[in-house]
N, C-alpha and C. Protein backbone atom coordinates (compact mmCIF):
# COMPACT_ATOMS: atom_id res chain seq x y z
N MET A 1 -8.44 26.90 18.64
CA MET A 1 -7.51 26.47 19.67
C MET A 1 -6.38 25.69 19.02
N ALA A 2 -5.17 26.04 19.29
CA ALA A 2 -4.01 25.35 18.72
C ALA A 2 -3.75 24.05 19.46
N THR A 3 -3.30 23.08 18.73
CA THR A 3 -2.94 21.81 19.35
C THR A 3 -1.47 21.56 19.09
N GLY A 4 -0.82 20.91 20.03
CA GLY A 4 0.61 20.61 19.89
C GLY A 4 0.81 19.26 19.27
N GLY A 5 2.07 18.95 19.00
CA GLY A 5 2.41 17.63 18.49
C GLY A 5 2.41 17.57 16.98
N ALA A 6 2.78 16.42 16.51
CA ALA A 6 2.88 16.20 15.07
C ALA A 6 1.51 15.97 14.46
N ALA A 7 1.43 16.23 13.18
CA ALA A 7 0.18 15.97 12.45
C ALA A 7 -0.06 14.47 12.39
N PRO A 8 -1.32 14.05 12.39
CA PRO A 8 -1.59 12.61 12.27
C PRO A 8 -1.10 12.10 10.91
N PRO A 9 -0.79 10.81 10.83
CA PRO A 9 -0.31 10.29 9.55
C PRO A 9 -1.40 10.38 8.48
N LYS A 10 -0.95 10.60 7.26
CA LYS A 10 -1.86 10.60 6.13
C LYS A 10 -2.22 9.16 5.80
N VAL A 11 -3.37 8.99 5.20
CA VAL A 11 -3.82 7.68 4.72
C VAL A 11 -4.14 7.84 3.24
N PHE A 12 -3.58 6.97 2.41
CA PHE A 12 -3.87 7.00 0.98
C PHE A 12 -5.09 6.12 0.73
N LEU A 13 -6.06 6.63 -0.03
CA LEU A 13 -7.28 5.90 -0.34
C LEU A 13 -7.28 5.48 -1.81
N SER A 14 -7.63 4.24 -2.04
CA SER A 14 -7.71 3.69 -3.40
C SER A 14 -9.03 2.95 -3.53
N ARG A 15 -9.91 3.46 -4.40
CA ARG A 15 -11.26 2.88 -4.55
C ARG A 15 -11.29 1.84 -5.66
N HIS A 16 -11.93 0.71 -5.37
CA HIS A 16 -12.00 -0.40 -6.32
C HIS A 16 -13.44 -0.91 -6.42
N PRO A 17 -14.15 -0.55 -7.50
CA PRO A 17 -15.48 -1.14 -7.71
C PRO A 17 -15.32 -2.64 -7.95
N LEU A 18 -16.08 -3.43 -7.24
CA LEU A 18 -15.99 -4.89 -7.39
C LEU A 18 -16.84 -5.31 -8.58
N ARG A 19 -16.17 -5.76 -9.60
CA ARG A 19 -16.79 -6.13 -10.87
C ARG A 19 -17.01 -7.63 -10.94
N PHE A 20 -17.79 -8.04 -11.92
CA PHE A 20 -18.05 -9.46 -12.15
C PHE A 20 -16.75 -10.23 -12.28
N SER A 21 -15.76 -9.65 -12.98
CA SER A 21 -14.49 -10.34 -13.21
C SER A 21 -13.67 -10.52 -11.93
N HIS A 22 -14.00 -9.79 -10.87
CA HIS A 22 -13.28 -9.91 -9.59
C HIS A 22 -13.85 -11.01 -8.70
N CYS A 23 -15.02 -11.52 -9.06
CA CYS A 23 -15.78 -12.37 -8.14
C CYS A 23 -15.85 -13.82 -8.59
N ASP A 24 -16.14 -14.68 -7.61
CA ASP A 24 -16.36 -16.10 -7.90
C ASP A 24 -17.81 -16.29 -8.35
N PRO A 25 -18.23 -17.51 -8.69
CA PRO A 25 -19.60 -17.71 -9.17
C PRO A 25 -20.68 -17.31 -8.16
N ALA A 26 -20.35 -17.22 -6.88
CA ALA A 26 -21.32 -16.80 -5.87
C ALA A 26 -21.42 -15.28 -5.75
N GLY A 27 -20.62 -14.54 -6.55
CA GLY A 27 -20.64 -13.09 -6.50
C GLY A 27 -19.82 -12.50 -5.37
N ILE A 28 -18.93 -13.32 -4.79
CA ILE A 28 -18.07 -12.87 -3.70
C ILE A 28 -16.67 -12.63 -4.25
N LEU A 29 -16.03 -11.57 -3.77
CA LEU A 29 -14.67 -11.24 -4.22
C LEU A 29 -13.77 -12.47 -4.08
N TYR A 30 -13.17 -12.87 -5.19
CA TYR A 30 -12.23 -14.00 -5.23
C TYR A 30 -10.94 -13.52 -4.58
N SER A 31 -10.55 -14.15 -3.48
CA SER A 31 -9.47 -13.61 -2.64
C SER A 31 -8.16 -13.32 -3.37
N PRO A 32 -7.70 -14.12 -4.35
CA PRO A 32 -6.46 -13.73 -5.04
C PRO A 32 -6.54 -12.36 -5.73
N ASN A 33 -7.74 -11.96 -6.15
CA ASN A 33 -7.88 -10.64 -6.78
C ASN A 33 -7.61 -9.51 -5.80
N THR A 34 -7.78 -9.78 -4.51
CA THR A 34 -7.47 -8.78 -3.49
C THR A 34 -6.01 -8.36 -3.59
N PHE A 35 -5.13 -9.31 -3.85
CA PHE A 35 -3.70 -8.99 -3.92
C PHE A 35 -3.38 -8.15 -5.15
N ASP A 36 -4.10 -8.36 -6.25
CA ASP A 36 -3.95 -7.47 -7.41
C ASP A 36 -4.38 -6.05 -7.06
N MET A 37 -5.48 -5.93 -6.31
CA MET A 37 -5.96 -4.61 -5.91
C MET A 37 -4.98 -3.93 -4.95
N ILE A 38 -4.40 -4.70 -4.05
CA ILE A 38 -3.39 -4.15 -3.14
C ILE A 38 -2.20 -3.63 -3.95
N ASN A 39 -1.74 -4.42 -4.90
CA ASN A 39 -0.61 -3.98 -5.73
C ASN A 39 -0.96 -2.73 -6.52
N ALA A 40 -2.18 -2.66 -7.05
CA ALA A 40 -2.62 -1.46 -7.78
C ALA A 40 -2.65 -0.25 -6.84
N ALA A 41 -3.11 -0.45 -5.60
CA ALA A 41 -3.15 0.65 -4.64
C ALA A 41 -1.74 1.15 -4.32
N VAL A 42 -0.79 0.23 -4.18
CA VAL A 42 0.59 0.62 -3.92
C VAL A 42 1.15 1.42 -5.10
N GLU A 43 0.90 0.94 -6.31
CA GLU A 43 1.38 1.64 -7.50
C GLU A 43 0.75 3.03 -7.60
N ASP A 44 -0.55 3.14 -7.31
CA ASP A 44 -1.22 4.45 -7.32
C ASP A 44 -0.66 5.36 -6.23
N TRP A 45 -0.37 4.81 -5.06
CA TRP A 45 0.21 5.60 -3.96
C TRP A 45 1.54 6.20 -4.39
N PHE A 46 2.38 5.40 -5.02
CA PHE A 46 3.66 5.93 -5.50
C PHE A 46 3.43 7.06 -6.49
N GLY A 47 2.57 6.86 -7.48
CA GLY A 47 2.37 7.86 -8.52
C GLY A 47 1.62 9.09 -8.06
N GLU A 48 0.51 8.89 -7.35
CA GLU A 48 -0.36 10.00 -6.98
C GLU A 48 0.08 10.72 -5.71
N ALA A 49 0.50 9.99 -4.71
CA ALA A 49 0.82 10.61 -3.42
C ALA A 49 2.31 10.93 -3.28
N LEU A 50 3.17 10.05 -3.79
CA LEU A 50 4.61 10.25 -3.63
C LEU A 50 5.23 10.95 -4.83
N GLY A 51 4.47 11.08 -5.93
CA GLY A 51 4.96 11.78 -7.11
C GLY A 51 6.03 11.04 -7.88
N LEU A 52 6.02 9.71 -7.79
CA LEU A 52 7.05 8.90 -8.45
C LEU A 52 6.38 7.66 -9.04
N SER A 53 6.13 7.70 -10.34
CA SER A 53 5.42 6.59 -10.98
C SER A 53 6.29 5.34 -11.06
N PHE A 54 5.64 4.20 -11.14
CA PHE A 54 6.39 2.95 -11.31
C PHE A 54 7.17 2.97 -12.62
N ALA A 55 6.66 3.65 -13.64
CA ALA A 55 7.41 3.75 -14.90
C ALA A 55 8.74 4.48 -14.66
N GLU A 56 8.69 5.57 -13.91
CA GLU A 56 9.92 6.31 -13.57
C GLU A 56 10.86 5.44 -12.76
N ILE A 57 10.34 4.79 -11.74
CA ILE A 57 11.18 3.97 -10.86
C ILE A 57 11.82 2.81 -11.64
N HIS A 58 10.99 2.05 -12.34
CA HIS A 58 11.46 0.82 -12.98
C HIS A 58 12.27 1.07 -14.26
N ILE A 59 11.77 1.92 -15.12
CA ILE A 59 12.39 2.09 -16.44
C ILE A 59 13.56 3.06 -16.39
N ARG A 60 13.34 4.25 -15.81
CA ARG A 60 14.39 5.26 -15.84
C ARG A 60 15.41 5.10 -14.70
N GLN A 61 14.93 4.80 -13.51
CA GLN A 61 15.86 4.69 -12.37
C GLN A 61 16.42 3.28 -12.20
N ARG A 62 15.81 2.30 -12.87
CA ARG A 62 16.25 0.89 -12.78
C ARG A 62 16.22 0.38 -11.33
N LEU A 63 15.15 0.78 -10.63
CA LEU A 63 14.89 0.33 -9.27
C LEU A 63 13.53 -0.35 -9.25
N GLY A 64 13.29 -1.13 -8.23
CA GLY A 64 11.99 -1.77 -8.09
C GLY A 64 11.61 -1.89 -6.63
N PHE A 65 10.35 -2.22 -6.41
CA PHE A 65 9.82 -2.45 -5.07
C PHE A 65 9.07 -3.78 -5.06
N PRO A 66 9.80 -4.91 -5.14
CA PRO A 66 9.12 -6.20 -5.12
C PRO A 66 8.51 -6.49 -3.75
N ILE A 67 7.55 -7.39 -3.75
CA ILE A 67 6.91 -7.83 -2.52
C ILE A 67 7.84 -8.79 -1.80
N VAL A 68 8.08 -8.53 -0.52
CA VAL A 68 8.90 -9.39 0.32
C VAL A 68 8.01 -10.34 1.11
N ASP A 69 6.90 -9.82 1.60
CA ASP A 69 5.96 -10.62 2.39
C ASP A 69 4.60 -9.95 2.28
N THR A 70 3.57 -10.74 2.17
CA THR A 70 2.22 -10.19 2.16
C THR A 70 1.28 -11.20 2.79
N ARG A 71 0.35 -10.68 3.54
CA ARG A 71 -0.66 -11.55 4.15
C ARG A 71 -1.93 -10.74 4.35
N CYS A 72 -3.04 -11.43 4.30
CA CYS A 72 -4.32 -10.75 4.35
C CYS A 72 -5.28 -11.54 5.23
N GLU A 73 -6.01 -10.82 6.04
CA GLU A 73 -7.06 -11.40 6.88
C GLU A 73 -8.39 -10.94 6.31
N PHE A 74 -9.23 -11.89 5.94
CA PHE A 74 -10.54 -11.57 5.38
C PHE A 74 -11.56 -11.63 6.51
N LEU A 75 -12.16 -10.50 6.84
CA LEU A 75 -13.05 -10.39 7.98
C LEU A 75 -14.50 -10.69 7.62
N LYS A 76 -14.88 -10.34 6.40
CA LYS A 76 -16.25 -10.53 5.94
C LYS A 76 -16.22 -10.49 4.42
N PRO A 77 -17.05 -11.28 3.74
CA PRO A 77 -17.03 -11.28 2.27
C PRO A 77 -17.43 -9.93 1.69
N SER A 78 -16.81 -9.60 0.57
CA SER A 78 -17.19 -8.43 -0.22
C SER A 78 -17.82 -8.96 -1.50
N ARG A 79 -18.81 -8.22 -2.02
CA ARG A 79 -19.62 -8.74 -3.12
C ARG A 79 -19.60 -7.84 -4.35
N ILE A 80 -19.95 -8.44 -5.46
CA ILE A 80 -20.06 -7.72 -6.72
C ILE A 80 -20.95 -6.49 -6.54
N GLY A 81 -20.54 -5.37 -7.13
CA GLY A 81 -21.31 -4.14 -7.05
C GLY A 81 -20.89 -3.22 -5.91
N GLU A 82 -20.16 -3.75 -4.94
CA GLU A 82 -19.71 -2.92 -3.83
C GLU A 82 -18.44 -2.15 -4.24
N ILE A 83 -18.14 -1.11 -3.48
CA ILE A 83 -16.90 -0.36 -3.67
C ILE A 83 -15.99 -0.69 -2.49
N LEU A 84 -14.84 -1.30 -2.79
CA LEU A 84 -13.84 -1.61 -1.77
C LEU A 84 -12.82 -0.47 -1.76
N THR A 85 -12.75 0.24 -0.65
CA THR A 85 -11.78 1.32 -0.51
C THR A 85 -10.61 0.81 0.32
N LEU A 86 -9.44 0.80 -0.29
CA LEU A 86 -8.24 0.38 0.42
C LEU A 86 -7.60 1.60 1.06
N GLN A 87 -7.34 1.52 2.36
CA GLN A 87 -6.71 2.59 3.13
C GLN A 87 -5.28 2.16 3.42
N LEU A 88 -4.32 2.89 2.89
CA LEU A 88 -2.91 2.52 2.98
C LEU A 88 -2.16 3.48 3.88
N SER A 89 -1.41 2.93 4.83
CA SER A 89 -0.49 3.71 5.66
C SER A 89 0.76 2.86 5.90
N ILE A 90 1.77 3.47 6.49
CA ILE A 90 3.02 2.76 6.74
C ILE A 90 3.08 2.33 8.20
N ALA A 91 3.26 1.03 8.42
CA ALA A 91 3.44 0.50 9.77
C ALA A 91 4.91 0.56 10.18
N ARG A 92 5.82 0.41 9.21
CA ARG A 92 7.25 0.46 9.51
C ARG A 92 8.01 0.91 8.27
N LEU A 93 8.88 1.88 8.47
CA LEU A 93 9.71 2.39 7.39
C LEU A 93 11.15 2.06 7.73
N GLY A 94 11.69 1.05 7.05
CA GLY A 94 13.05 0.59 7.31
C GLY A 94 14.06 1.24 6.37
N ARG A 95 15.28 0.77 6.41
CA ARG A 95 16.35 1.32 5.57
C ARG A 95 16.05 1.11 4.09
N ALA A 96 15.63 -0.10 3.73
CA ALA A 96 15.33 -0.43 2.33
C ALA A 96 13.93 -1.00 2.15
N SER A 97 13.22 -1.21 3.25
CA SER A 97 11.90 -1.84 3.16
C SER A 97 10.82 -0.96 3.77
N VAL A 98 9.59 -1.24 3.35
CA VAL A 98 8.42 -0.53 3.85
C VAL A 98 7.36 -1.57 4.18
N GLU A 99 6.88 -1.55 5.41
CA GLU A 99 5.77 -2.42 5.79
C GLU A 99 4.50 -1.58 5.75
N LEU A 100 3.62 -1.93 4.82
CA LEU A 100 2.38 -1.19 4.65
C LEU A 100 1.26 -1.87 5.43
N ARG A 101 0.39 -1.06 5.96
CA ARG A 101 -0.82 -1.53 6.62
C ARG A 101 -1.97 -1.11 5.71
N ILE A 102 -2.78 -2.06 5.31
CA ILE A 102 -3.86 -1.78 4.37
C ILE A 102 -5.16 -2.34 4.94
N SER A 103 -6.17 -1.49 5.02
CA SER A 103 -7.50 -1.92 5.43
C SER A 103 -8.44 -1.77 4.25
N GLY A 104 -9.30 -2.76 4.06
CA GLY A 104 -10.30 -2.71 3.00
C GLY A 104 -11.66 -2.41 3.61
N ILE A 105 -12.27 -1.31 3.19
CA ILE A 105 -13.51 -0.83 3.78
C ILE A 105 -14.61 -0.82 2.72
N VAL A 106 -15.79 -1.31 3.09
CA VAL A 106 -16.99 -1.22 2.25
C VAL A 106 -18.07 -0.58 3.11
N ALA A 107 -18.59 0.56 2.67
CA ALA A 107 -19.67 1.26 3.37
C ALA A 107 -19.36 1.43 4.86
N GLY A 108 -18.12 1.82 5.18
CA GLY A 108 -17.74 2.07 6.56
C GLY A 108 -17.38 0.84 7.37
N GLU A 109 -17.47 -0.33 6.79
CA GLU A 109 -17.19 -1.58 7.50
C GLU A 109 -15.89 -2.20 7.01
N GLU A 110 -15.00 -2.54 7.94
CA GLU A 110 -13.74 -3.18 7.55
C GLU A 110 -14.02 -4.62 7.11
N ARG A 111 -13.62 -4.94 5.87
CA ARG A 111 -13.84 -6.27 5.31
C ARG A 111 -12.56 -7.10 5.28
N MET A 112 -11.42 -6.42 5.17
CA MET A 112 -10.14 -7.13 5.15
C MET A 112 -9.06 -6.21 5.67
N ARG A 113 -7.96 -6.83 6.13
CA ARG A 113 -6.78 -6.05 6.51
C ARG A 113 -5.56 -6.83 6.06
N ALA A 114 -4.57 -6.08 5.62
CA ALA A 114 -3.37 -6.72 5.07
C ALA A 114 -2.12 -6.06 5.63
N ARG A 115 -1.08 -6.87 5.67
CA ARG A 115 0.29 -6.43 5.96
C ARG A 115 1.05 -6.74 4.69
N HIS A 116 1.69 -5.73 4.12
CA HIS A 116 2.31 -5.87 2.79
C HIS A 116 3.69 -5.23 2.86
N VAL A 117 4.73 -6.04 2.76
CA VAL A 117 6.10 -5.55 2.88
C VAL A 117 6.75 -5.54 1.50
N ILE A 118 7.29 -4.37 1.14
CA ILE A 118 8.02 -4.21 -0.12
C ILE A 118 9.43 -3.72 0.21
N ALA A 119 10.36 -3.98 -0.69
CA ALA A 119 11.74 -3.54 -0.48
C ALA A 119 12.27 -2.90 -1.75
N MET A 120 13.05 -1.86 -1.59
CA MET A 120 13.66 -1.18 -2.73
C MET A 120 14.90 -1.97 -3.16
N VAL A 121 14.94 -2.34 -4.46
CA VAL A 121 16.07 -3.11 -4.98
C VAL A 121 16.58 -2.48 -6.27
N SER A 122 17.84 -2.71 -6.53
CA SER A 122 18.43 -2.38 -7.83
C SER A 122 17.99 -3.44 -8.81
N LEU A 123 17.48 -3.05 -9.97
CA LEU A 123 17.10 -4.03 -10.99
C LEU A 123 18.32 -4.62 -11.68
N GLU A 124 19.47 -4.00 -11.49
CA GLU A 124 20.71 -4.53 -12.07
C GLU A 124 21.25 -5.69 -11.23
N THR A 125 21.26 -5.52 -9.91
CA THR A 125 21.84 -6.53 -9.02
C THR A 125 20.80 -7.38 -8.30
N LEU A 126 19.55 -6.93 -8.31
CA LEU A 126 18.45 -7.56 -7.56
C LEU A 126 18.76 -7.66 -6.07
N ARG A 127 19.48 -6.68 -5.58
CA ARG A 127 19.81 -6.58 -4.15
C ARG A 127 19.16 -5.31 -3.58
N ALA A 128 18.84 -5.38 -2.29
CA ALA A 128 18.24 -4.23 -1.61
C ALA A 128 19.18 -3.04 -1.63
N VAL A 129 18.59 -1.86 -1.81
CA VAL A 129 19.32 -0.60 -1.75
C VAL A 129 18.56 0.34 -0.81
N PRO A 130 19.25 1.26 -0.15
CA PRO A 130 18.57 2.17 0.77
C PRO A 130 17.57 3.06 0.03
N ILE A 131 16.46 3.31 0.69
CA ILE A 131 15.48 4.26 0.16
C ILE A 131 16.12 5.65 0.25
N SER A 132 16.05 6.41 -0.84
CA SER A 132 16.69 7.73 -0.88
C SER A 132 16.07 8.65 0.17
N PRO A 133 16.85 9.62 0.66
CA PRO A 133 16.31 10.57 1.64
C PRO A 133 15.08 11.32 1.10
N GLU A 134 15.07 11.64 -0.19
CA GLU A 134 13.93 12.37 -0.77
C GLU A 134 12.66 11.51 -0.73
N LEU A 135 12.77 10.25 -1.15
CA LEU A 135 11.60 9.38 -1.14
C LEU A 135 11.19 9.06 0.29
N ARG A 136 12.14 8.85 1.16
CA ARG A 136 11.84 8.59 2.58
C ARG A 136 11.04 9.75 3.17
N ALA A 137 11.43 10.98 2.84
CA ALA A 137 10.72 12.16 3.35
C ALA A 137 9.27 12.18 2.86
N ARG A 138 9.05 11.80 1.61
CA ARG A 138 7.68 11.76 1.07
C ARG A 138 6.86 10.67 1.75
N MET A 139 7.49 9.54 2.01
CA MET A 139 6.79 8.41 2.65
C MET A 139 6.47 8.69 4.11
N ALA A 140 7.32 9.45 4.79
CA ALA A 140 7.21 9.63 6.24
C ALA A 140 5.85 10.15 6.69
N GLY A 141 5.20 10.95 5.88
CA GLY A 141 3.89 11.47 6.24
C GLY A 141 2.82 10.40 6.37
N TYR A 142 3.06 9.23 5.81
CA TYR A 142 2.10 8.12 5.85
C TYR A 142 2.44 7.12 6.95
N ALA A 143 3.50 7.40 7.71
CA ALA A 143 3.95 6.47 8.75
C ALA A 143 3.21 6.74 10.06
N VAL A 144 2.72 5.66 10.66
CA VAL A 144 2.14 5.79 11.99
C VAL A 144 3.28 6.16 12.94
N GLU A 145 2.97 6.75 14.05
CA GLU A 145 3.99 7.35 14.93
C GLU A 145 5.14 6.42 15.27
N GLU A 146 4.84 5.17 15.62
CA GLU A 146 5.93 4.26 16.01
C GLU A 146 6.85 3.92 14.84
N ALA A 147 6.36 4.08 13.61
CA ALA A 147 7.17 3.75 12.43
C ALA A 147 8.21 4.83 12.14
N LYS A 148 8.00 6.03 12.62
CA LYS A 148 8.87 7.15 12.24
C LYS A 148 10.28 7.02 12.81
N SER A 149 10.49 6.18 13.81
CA SER A 149 11.82 6.07 14.42
C SER A 149 12.75 5.12 13.69
N TYR A 150 12.24 4.34 12.76
CA TYR A 150 13.07 3.38 12.02
C TYR A 150 13.83 4.09 10.92
N GLY A 151 14.97 3.49 10.51
CA GLY A 151 15.58 4.03 9.33
C GLY A 151 17.04 4.13 9.39
């Protein structure tokens, strides 16, 4: 049976085994390490899903995507030995910025959720520049429906 309407947004998955080095002495994920994992997931999303590595963006194109705002809600502790899967989608796609929605899942249970805003900037001027139409088109598949109208 055919269904109408647009395809649901894609979600990028990034798996992170929680190692001893990620945890505090109690074996619980040390919260600042969560932000390193979020940044790694964003970098992997660019390279694996969008086809544009950070090396290409930063070194050859002289562009960057610095963090403008980030916040995280920790719902339940995650522990050494668990696999934290970060699920990344776009909550808002602006002219030069992207608001990412990230959920951290362990064994089907949401452990954390984050809002992570990045902006495209020229590394020469350190000022925001518009996201190119080509990159915007690649990102659009990860945007939740209400995000698709921005831009």
